[in-house]
PDB file of N, CA and C in Angstrom:
ATOM      1  N   MET A   1       0.841  -1.184   0.000  1.00  0.00           N
ATOM      2  CA  MET A   1       0.000   0.000   0.000  1.00  0.00           C
ATOM      3  C   MET A   1       0.880   1.239   0.000  1.00  0.00           C
ATOM      4  N   LYS A   2       0.429   2.265  -0.703  1.00  0.00           N
ATOM      5  CA  LYS A   2       1.166   3.515  -0.770  1.00  0.00           C
ATOM      6  C   LYS A   2       0.880   4.355   0.472  1.00  0.00           C
ATOM      7  N   PRO A   3       1.863   5.187   0.898  1.00  0.00           N
ATOM      8  CA  PRO A   3       1.612   6.089   2.017  1.00  0.00           C
ATOM      9  C   PRO A   3       0.525   7.088   1.651  1.00  0.00           C
ATOM     10  N   VAL A   4      -0.229   7.521   2.649  1.00  0.00           N
ATOM     11  CA  VAL A   4      -1.280   8.519   2.453  1.00  0.00           C
ATOM     12  C   VAL A   4      -0.752   9.851   2.941  1.00  0.00           C
ATOM     13  N   VAL A   5      -0.787  10.846   2.087  1.00  0.00           N
ATOM     14  CA  VAL A   5      -0.280  12.168   2.429  1.00  0.00           C
ATOM     15  C   VAL A   5      -1.458  13.110   2.609  1.00  0.00           C
ATOM     16  N   THR A   6      -1.387  13.968   3.631  1.00  0.00           N
ATOM     17  CA  THR A   6      -2.489  14.895   3.886  1.00  0.00           C
ATOM     18  C   THR A   6      -2.494  16.022   2.874  1.00  0.00           C
ATOM     19  N   SER A   7      -3.625  16.612   2.719  1.00  0.00           N
ATOM     20  CA  SER A   7      -3.778  17.822   1.921  1.00  0.00           C
ATOM     21  C   SER A   7      -3.737  19.000   2.881  1.00  0.00           C
ATOM     22  N   ARG A   8      -3.086  20.050   2.490  1.00  0.00           N
ATOM     23  CA  ARG A   8      -2.981  21.224   3.348  1.00  0.00           C
ATOM     24  C   ARG A   8      -4.334  21.882   3.601  1.00  0.00           C
ATOM     25  N   ARG A   9      -5.342  21.552   2.818  1.00  0.00           N
ATOM     26  CA  ARG A   9      -6.648  22.182   2.975  1.00  0.00           C
ATOM     27  C   ARG A   9      -7.476  21.560   4.094  1.00  0.00           C
ATOM     28  N   ARG A  10      -7.111  20.370   4.497  1.00  0.00           N
ATOM     29  CA  ARG A  10      -7.919  19.662   5.496  1.00  0.00           C
ATOM     30  C   ARG A  10      -7.138  19.489   6.788  1.00  0.00           C
ATOM     31  N   PRO A  11      -7.802  19.608   7.918  1.00  0.00           N
ATOM     32  CA  PRO A  11      -7.117  19.372   9.192  1.00  0.00           C
ATOM     33  C   PRO A  11      -6.582  17.935   9.245  1.00  0.00           C
ATOM     34  N   PRO A  12      -5.421  17.737   9.870  1.00  0.00           N
ATOM     35  CA  PRO A  12      -4.835  16.406   9.940  1.00  0.00           C
ATOM     36  C   PRO A  12      -5.770  15.367  10.554  1.00  0.00           C
ATOM     37  N   ALA A  13      -6.551  15.754  11.546  1.00  0.00           N
ATOM     38  CA  ALA A  13      -7.447  14.793  12.203  1.00  0.00           C
ATOM     39  C   ALA A  13      -8.454  14.211  11.211  1.00  0.00           C
ATOM     40  N   ILE A  14      -8.982  15.029  10.352  1.00  0.00           N
ATOM     41  CA  ILE A  14      -9.981  14.565   9.380  1.00  0.00           C
ATOM     42  C   ILE A  14      -9.327  13.696   8.306  1.00  0.00           C
ATOM     43  N   ALA A  15      -8.241  14.192   7.734  1.00  0.00           N
ATOM     44  CA  ALA A  15      -7.565  13.457   6.662  1.00  0.00           C
ATOM     45  C   ALA A  15      -7.067  12.100   7.147  1.00  0.00           C
ATOM     46  N   PHE A  16      -6.442  12.072   8.312  1.00  0.00           N
ATOM     47  CA  PHE A  16      -5.876  10.815   8.782  1.00  0.00           C
ATOM     48  C   PHE A  16      -6.920   9.880   9.375  1.00  0.00           C
ATOM     49  N   ARG A  17      -8.001  10.408   9.904  1.00  0.00           N
ATOM     50  CA  ARG A  17      -9.099   9.536  10.353  1.00  0.00           C
ATOM     51  C   ARG A  17      -9.608   8.728   9.152  1.00  0.00           C
ATOM     52  N   GLU A  18      -9.841   9.419   8.036  1.00  0.00           N
ATOM     53  CA  GLU A  18     -10.317   8.732   6.834  1.00  0.00           C
ATOM     54  C   GLU A  18      -9.307   7.708   6.333  1.00  0.00           C
ATOM     55  N   ALA A  19      -8.024   8.078   6.326  1.00  0.00           N
ATOM     56  CA  ALA A  19      -6.985   7.168   5.846  1.00  0.00           C
ATOM     57  C   ALA A  19      -6.857   5.940   6.750  1.00  0.00           C
ATOM     58  N   ILE A  20      -6.930   6.144   8.061  1.00  0.00           N
ATOM     59  CA  ILE A  20      -6.826   5.033   9.016  1.00  0.00           C
ATOM     60  C   ILE A  20      -8.035   4.117   8.875  1.00  0.00           C
ATOM     61  N   GLU A  21      -9.221   4.708   8.786  1.00  0.00           N
ATOM     62  CA  GLU A  21     -10.429   3.890   8.643  1.00  0.00           C
ATOM     63  C   GLU A  21     -10.427   3.122   7.330  1.00  0.00           C
ATOM     64  N   SER A  22      -9.927   3.724   6.266  1.00  0.00           N
ATOM     65  CA  SER A  22      -9.833   3.047   4.970  1.00  0.00           C
ATOM     66  C   SER A  22      -8.869   1.864   5.053  1.00  0.00           C
ATOM     67  N   ALA A  23      -7.711   2.078   5.644  1.00  0.00           N
ATOM     68  CA  ALA A  23      -6.729   0.995   5.783  1.00  0.00           C
ATOM     69  C   ALA A  23      -7.265  -0.117   6.673  1.00  0.00           C
ATOM     70  N   THR A  24      -7.951   0.255   7.747  1.00  0.00           N
ATOM     71  CA  THR A  24      -8.531  -0.736   8.645  1.00  0.00           C
ATOM     72  C   THR A  24      -9.584  -1.570   7.925  1.00  0.00           C
ATOM     73  N   SER A  25     -10.389  -0.918   7.090  1.00  0.00           N
ATOM     74  CA  SER A  25     -11.425  -1.649   6.354  1.00  0.00           C
ATOM     75  C   SER A  25     -10.820  -2.610   5.324  1.00  0.00           C
ATOM     76  N   GLN A  26      -9.564  -2.367   4.947  1.00  0.00           N
ATOM     77  CA  GLN A  26      -8.863  -3.254   4.026  1.00  0.00           C
ATOM     78  C   GLN A  26      -8.080  -4.334   4.764  1.00  0.00           C
ATOM     79  N   GLY A  27      -8.246  -4.377   6.089  1.00  0.00           N
ATOM     80  CA  GLY A  27      -7.630  -5.437   6.881  1.00  0.00           C
ATOM     81  C   GLY A  27      -6.288  -5.106   7.507  1.00  0.00           C
ATOM     82  N   VAL A  28      -5.842  -3.842   7.417  1.00  0.00           N
ATOM     83  CA  VAL A  28      -4.565  -3.457   8.014  1.00  0.00           C
ATOM     84  C   VAL A  28      -4.769  -3.223   9.504  1.00  0.00           C
ATOM     85  N   ASP A  29      -3.926  -3.827  10.310  1.00  0.00           N
ATOM     86  CA  ASP A  29      -3.990  -3.680  11.766  1.00  0.00           C
ATOM     87  C   ASP A  29      -3.450  -2.313  12.174  1.00  0.00           C
ATOM     88  N   ARG A  30      -4.131  -1.624  13.054  1.00  0.00           N
ATOM     89  CA  ARG A  30      -3.699  -0.295  13.507  1.00  0.00           C
ATOM     90  C   ARG A  30      -2.327  -0.330  14.157  1.00  0.00           C
ATOM     91  N   ASP A  31      -1.982  -1.447  14.792  1.00  0.00           N
ATOM     92  CA  ASP A  31      -0.655  -1.561  15.407  1.00  0.00           C
ATOM     93  C   ASP A  31       0.451  -1.607  14.360  1.00  0.00           C
ATOM     94  N   ALA A  32       0.116  -1.937  13.117  1.00  0.00           N
ATOM     95  CA  ALA A  32       1.104  -2.018  12.041  1.00  0.00           C
ATOM     96  C   ALA A  32       1.263  -0.693  11.304  1.00  0.00           C
ATOM     97  N   MET A  33       0.404   0.274  11.589  1.00  0.00           N
ATOM     98  CA  MET A  33       0.458   1.588  10.945  1.00  0.00           C
ATOM     99  C   MET A  33       1.260   2.560  11.807  1.00  0.00           C
ATOM    100  N   THR A  34       1.827   3.579  11.156  1.00  0.00           N
ATOM    101  CA  THR A  34       2.498   4.667  11.855  1.00  0.00           C
ATOM    102  C   THR A  34       2.118   5.970  11.180  1.00  0.00           C
ATOM    103  N   LEU A  35       1.767   6.953  11.982  1.00  0.00           N
ATOM    104  CA  LEU A  35       1.522   8.300  11.478  1.00  0.00           C
ATOM    105  C   LEU A  35       2.809   9.086  11.661  1.00  0.00           C
ATOM    106  N   HIS A  36       3.436   9.486  10.578  1.00  0.00           N
ATOM    107  CA  HIS A  36       4.650  10.300  10.662  1.00  0.00           C
ATOM    108  C   HIS A  36       4.238  11.722  10.299  1.00  0.00           C
ATOM    109  N   LEU A  37       4.170  12.580  11.311  1.00  0.00           N
ATOM    110  CA  LEU A  37       3.630  13.931  11.150  1.00  0.00           C
ATOM    111  C   LEU A  37       4.714  14.992  11.196  1.00  0.00           C
ATOM    112  N   THR A  38       4.491  16.055  10.430  1.00  0.00           N
ATOM    113  CA  THR A  38       5.331  17.241  10.578  1.00  0.00           C
ATOM    114  C   THR A  38       5.057  17.803  11.972  1.00  0.00           C
ATOM    115  N   ARG A  39       5.957  18.613  12.454  1.00  0.00           N
ATOM    116  CA  ARG A  39       5.726  19.221  13.772  1.00  0.00           C
ATOM    117  C   ARG A  39       4.470  20.092  13.758  1.00  0.00           C
ATOM    118  N   ALA A  40       4.225  20.763  12.653  1.00  0.00           N
ATOM    119  CA  ALA A  40       3.037  21.620  12.545  1.00  0.00           C
ATOM    120  C   ALA A  40       1.757  20.783  12.616  1.00  0.00           C
ATOM    121  N   ASP A  41       1.701  19.668  11.869  1.00  0.00           N
ATOM    122  CA  ASP A  41       0.508  18.818  11.903  1.00  0.00           C
ATOM    123  C   ASP A  41       0.329  18.168  13.268  1.00  0.00           C
ATOM    124  N   ALA A  42       1.425  17.782  13.895  1.00  0.00           N
ATOM    125  CA  ALA A  42       1.332  17.195  15.236  1.00  0.00           C
ATOM    126  C   ALA A  42       0.769  18.226  16.214  1.00  0.00           C
ATOM    127  N   SER A  43       1.212  19.457  16.094  1.00  0.00           N
ATOM    128  CA  SER A  43       0.711  20.525  16.953  1.00  0.00           C
ATOM    129  C   SER A  43      -0.778  20.752  16.719  1.00  0.00           C
ATOM    130  N   LEU A  44      -1.186  20.783  15.439  1.00  0.00           N
ATOM    131  CA  LEU A  44      -2.610  20.950  15.129  1.00  0.00           C
ATOM    132  C   LEU A  44      -3.432  19.802  15.702  1.00  0.00           C
ATOM    133  N   LEU A  45      -2.919  18.598  15.593  1.00  0.00           N
ATOM    134  CA  LEU A  45      -3.639  17.430  16.117  1.00  0.00           C
ATOM    135  C   LEU A  45      -3.776  17.511  17.635  1.00  0.00           C
ATOM    136  N   LYS A  46      -2.711  17.894  18.309  1.00  0.00           N
ATOM    137  CA  LYS A  46      -2.733  17.996  19.777  1.00  0.00           C
ATOM    138  C   LYS A  46      -3.713  19.071  20.262  1.00  0.00           C
ATOM    139  N   ARG A  47      -3.887  20.131  19.463  1.00  0.00           N
ATOM    140  CA  ARG A  47      -4.736  21.252  19.884  1.00  0.00           C
ATOM    141  C   ARG A  47      -6.138  21.206  19.306  1.00  0.00           C
ATOM    142  N   ASP A  48      -6.466  20.144  18.580  1.00  0.00           N
ATOM    143  CA  ASP A  48      -7.773  20.040  17.918  1.00  0.00           C
ATOM    144  C   ASP A  48      -8.864  19.823  18.957  1.00  0.00           C
ATOM    145  N   GLY A  49      -9.650  20.847  19.176  1.00  0.00           N
ATOM    146  CA  GLY A  49     -10.714  20.797  20.180  1.00  0.00           C
ATOM    147  C   GLY A  49     -11.918  19.965  19.781  1.00  0.00           C
ATOM    148  N   THR A  50     -11.962  19.525  18.529  1.00  0.00           N
ATOM    149  CA  THR A  50     -13.098  18.716  18.071  1.00  0.00           C
ATOM    150  C   THR A  50     -12.894  17.223  18.326  1.00  0.00           C
ATOM    151  N   LEU A  51     -11.667  16.831  18.693  1.00  0.00           N
ATOM    152  CA  LEU A  51     -11.388  15.411  18.924  1.00  0.00           C
ATOM    153  C   LEU A  51     -11.956  14.939  20.254  1.00  0.00           C
ATOM    154  N   ALA A  52     -12.462  13.727  20.248  1.00  0.00           N
ATOM    155  CA  ALA A  52     -12.906  13.111  21.498  1.00  0.00           C
ATOM    156  C   ALA A  52     -11.672  12.719  22.299  1.00  0.00           C
ATOM    157  N   VAL A  53     -11.803  12.701  23.597  1.00  0.00           N
ATOM    158  CA  VAL A  53     -10.695  12.322  24.473  1.00  0.00           C
ATOM    159  C   VAL A  53     -10.177  10.935  24.119  1.00  0.00           C
ATOM    160  N   SER A  54     -11.051  10.068  23.673  1.00  0.00           N
ATOM    161  CA  SER A  54     -10.642   8.703  23.336  1.00  0.00           C
ATOM    162  C   SER A  54      -9.900   8.605  21.995  1.00  0.00           C
ATOM    163  N   ASP A  55      -9.922   9.675  21.189  1.00  0.00           N
ATOM    164  CA  ASP A  55      -9.262   9.646  19.873  1.00  0.00           C
ATOM    165  C   ASP A  55      -7.753   9.811  19.950  1.00  0.00           C
ATOM    166  N   ILE A  56      -7.278  10.510  20.957  1.00  0.00           N
ATOM    167  CA  ILE A  56      -5.847  10.808  21.058  1.00  0.00           C
ATOM    168  C   ILE A  56      -5.373  10.464  22.463  1.00  0.00           C
ATOM    169  N   SER A  57      -4.194   9.850  22.535  1.00  0.00           N
ATOM    170  CA  SER A  57      -3.684   9.473  23.856  1.00  0.00           C
ATOM    171  C   SER A  57      -2.181   9.711  23.930  1.00  0.00           C
ATOM    172  N   PHE A  58      -1.739   9.916  25.152  1.00  0.00           N
ATOM    173  CA  PHE A  58      -0.322  10.107  25.452  1.00  0.00           C
ATOM    174  C   PHE A  58      -0.013   9.211  26.645  1.00  0.00           C
ATOM    175  N   ALA A  59       0.736   8.145  26.408  1.00  0.00           N
ATOM    176  CA  ALA A  59       1.077   7.222  27.489  1.00  0.00           C
ATOM    177  C   ALA A  59       2.483   6.690  27.273  1.00  0.00           C
ATOM    178  N   ASP A  60       3.253   6.648  28.340  1.00  0.00           N
ATOM    179  CA  ASP A  60       4.616   6.121  28.296  1.00  0.00           C
ATOM    180  C   ASP A  60       5.449   6.793  27.208  1.00  0.00           C
ATOM    181  N   GLY A  61       5.247   8.094  27.017  1.00  0.00           N
ATOM    182  CA  GLY A  61       6.020   8.851  26.044  1.00  0.00           C
ATOM    183  C   GLY A  61       5.619   8.616  24.598  1.00  0.00           C
ATOM    184  N   VAL A  62       4.483   7.944  24.382  1.00  0.00           N
ATOM    185  CA  VAL A  62       4.026   7.639  23.027  1.00  0.00           C
ATOM    186  C   VAL A  62       2.683   8.316  22.785  1.00  0.00           C
ATOM    187  N   MET A  63       2.615   9.045  21.674  1.00  0.00           N
ATOM    188  CA  MET A  63       1.354   9.660  21.258  1.00  0.00           C
ATOM    189  C   MET A  63       0.680   8.713  20.280  1.00  0.00           C
ATOM    190  N   LYS A  64      -0.622   8.524  20.446  1.00  0.00           N
ATOM    191  CA  LYS A  64      -1.399   7.695  19.519  1.00  0.00           C
ATOM    192  C   LYS A  64      -2.640   8.459  19.090  1.00  0.00           C
ATOM    193  N   PHE A  65      -2.980   8.298  17.818  1.00  0.00           N
ATOM    194  CA  PHE A  65      -4.210   8.866  17.274  1.00  0.00           C
ATOM    195  C   PHE A  65      -5.020   7.707  16.720  1.00  0.00           C
ATOM    196  N   LEU A  66      -6.205   7.500  17.272  1.00  0.00           N
ATOM    197  CA  LEU A  66      -7.085   6.394  16.889  1.00  0.00           C
ATOM    198  C   LEU A  66      -6.370   5.045  16.988  1.00  0.00           C
ATOM    199  N   GLY A  67      -5.483   4.935  17.959  1.00  0.00           N
ATOM    200  CA  GLY A  67      -4.765   3.680  18.180  1.00  0.00           C
ATOM    201  C   GLY A  67      -3.528   3.497  17.320  1.00  0.00           C
ATOM    202  N   VAL A  68      -3.189   4.497  16.493  1.00  0.00           N
ATOM    203  CA  VAL A  68      -2.022   4.433  15.618  1.00  0.00           C
ATOM    204  C   VAL A  68      -0.901   5.276  16.229  1.00  0.00           C
ATOM    205  N   THR A  69       0.292   4.703  16.326  1.00  0.00           N
ATOM    206  CA  THR A  69       1.434   5.408  16.896  1.00  0.00           C
ATOM    207  C   THR A  69       1.822   6.589  16.015  1.00  0.00           C
ATOM    208  N   VAL A  70       2.118   7.716  16.676  1.00  0.00           N
ATOM    209  CA  VAL A  70       2.493   8.942  15.977  1.00  0.00           C
ATOM    210  C   VAL A  70       3.984   9.210  16.186  1.00  0.00           C
ATOM    211  N   GLN A  71       4.692   9.465  15.091  1.00  0.00           N
ATOM    212  CA  GLN A  71       6.067   9.953  15.139  1.00  0.00           C
ATOM    213  C   GLN A  71       6.013  11.401  14.696  1.00  0.00           C
ATOM    214  N   GLU A  72       6.662  12.252  15.466  1.00  0.00           N
ATOM    215  CA  GLU A  72       6.577  13.688  15.212  1.00  0.00           C
ATOM    216  C   GLU A  72       7.891  14.233  14.671  1.00  0.00           C
ATOM    217  N   GLY A  73       7.806  14.974  13.577  1.00  0.00           N
ATOM    218  CA  GLY A  73       8.961  15.672  13.028  1.00  0.00           C
ATOM    219  C   GLY A  73       9.815  14.831  12.097  1.00  0.00           C
ATOM    220  N   GLY A  74      10.739  15.516  11.437  1.00  0.00           N
ATOM    221  CA  GLY A  74      11.680  14.849  10.556  1.00  0.00           C
ATOM    222  C   GLY A  74      11.156  14.560   9.158  1.00  0.00           C
ATOM    223  N   VAL A  75       9.976  15.091   8.820  1.00  0.00           N
ATOM    224  CA  VAL A  75       9.414  14.897   7.481  1.00  0.00           C
ATOM    225  C   VAL A  75       8.933  16.236   6.931  1.00  0.00           C
ATOM    226  N   VAL A  76       8.902  16.335   5.619  1.00  0.00           N
ATOM    227  CA  VAL A  76       8.440  17.551   4.954  1.00  0.00           C
ATOM    228  C   VAL A  76       6.919  17.570   4.875  1.00  0.00           C
ATOM    229  N   SER A  77       6.319  16.393   4.677  1.00  0.00           N
ATOM    230  CA  SER A  77       4.863  16.298   4.661  1.00  0.00           C
ATOM    231  C   SER A  77       4.442  15.088   5.486  1.00  0.00           C
ATOM    232  N   SER A  78       3.315  15.226   6.126  1.00  0.00           N
ATOM    233  CA  SER A  78       2.801  14.163   6.986  1.00  0.00           C
ATOM    234  C   SER A  78       2.282  13.009   6.147  1.00  0.00           C
ATOM    235  N   GLU A  79       2.443  11.793   6.673  1.00  0.00           N
ATOM    236  CA  GLU A  79       1.938  10.638   5.950  1.00  0.00           C
ATOM    237  C   GLU A  79       1.606   9.497   6.898  1.00  0.00           C
ATOM    238  N   LEU A  80       0.674   8.674   6.460  1.00  0.00           N
ATOM    239  CA  LEU A  80       0.325   7.444   7.170  1.00  0.00           C
ATOM    240  C   LEU A  80       1.148   6.342   6.527  1.00  0.00           C
ATOM    241  N   ILE A  81       2.001   5.714   7.308  1.00  0.00           N
ATOM    242  CA  ILE A  81       2.855   4.643   6.819  1.00  0.00           C
ATOM    243  C   ILE A  81       2.157   3.324   7.070  1.00  0.00           C
ATOM    244  N   LEU A  82       1.962   2.556   5.999  1.00  0.00           N
ATOM    245  CA  LEU A  82       1.305   1.254   6.087  1.00  0.00           C
ATOM    246  C   LEU A  82       2.329   0.151   5.855  1.00  0.00           C
ATOM    247  N   PRO A  83       2.078  -1.035   6.392  1.00  0.00           N
ATOM    248  CA  PRO A  83       3.019  -2.131   6.176  1.00  0.00           C
ATOM    249  C   PRO A  83       3.059  -2.513   4.701  1.00  0.00           C
ATOM    250  N   LYS A  84       4.176  -3.052   4.296  1.00  0.00           N
ATOM    251  CA  LYS A  84       4.339  -3.444   2.885  1.00  0.00           C
ATOM    252  C   LYS A  84       3.765  -4.798   2.616  1.00  0.00           C
TER     253      LYS A  84
END
């Protein structure tokens, strides 16, 4: 599967929710996915007041969005990394 890249017009939470749900419906396990976000997108996701408390978590130094591990920074554009 190809990585899913966000569009600058849509908030990261919306774009990646759709991408995660699409991958899940195709049988991809959320534990096998990684969200690699720009620092800006990670900041937007952390401050998104429309997200339910259960959508985003911070535990043991790991951020997760909808059960998918988030890596922050080190990329030019955010993407959902799927297993090969």
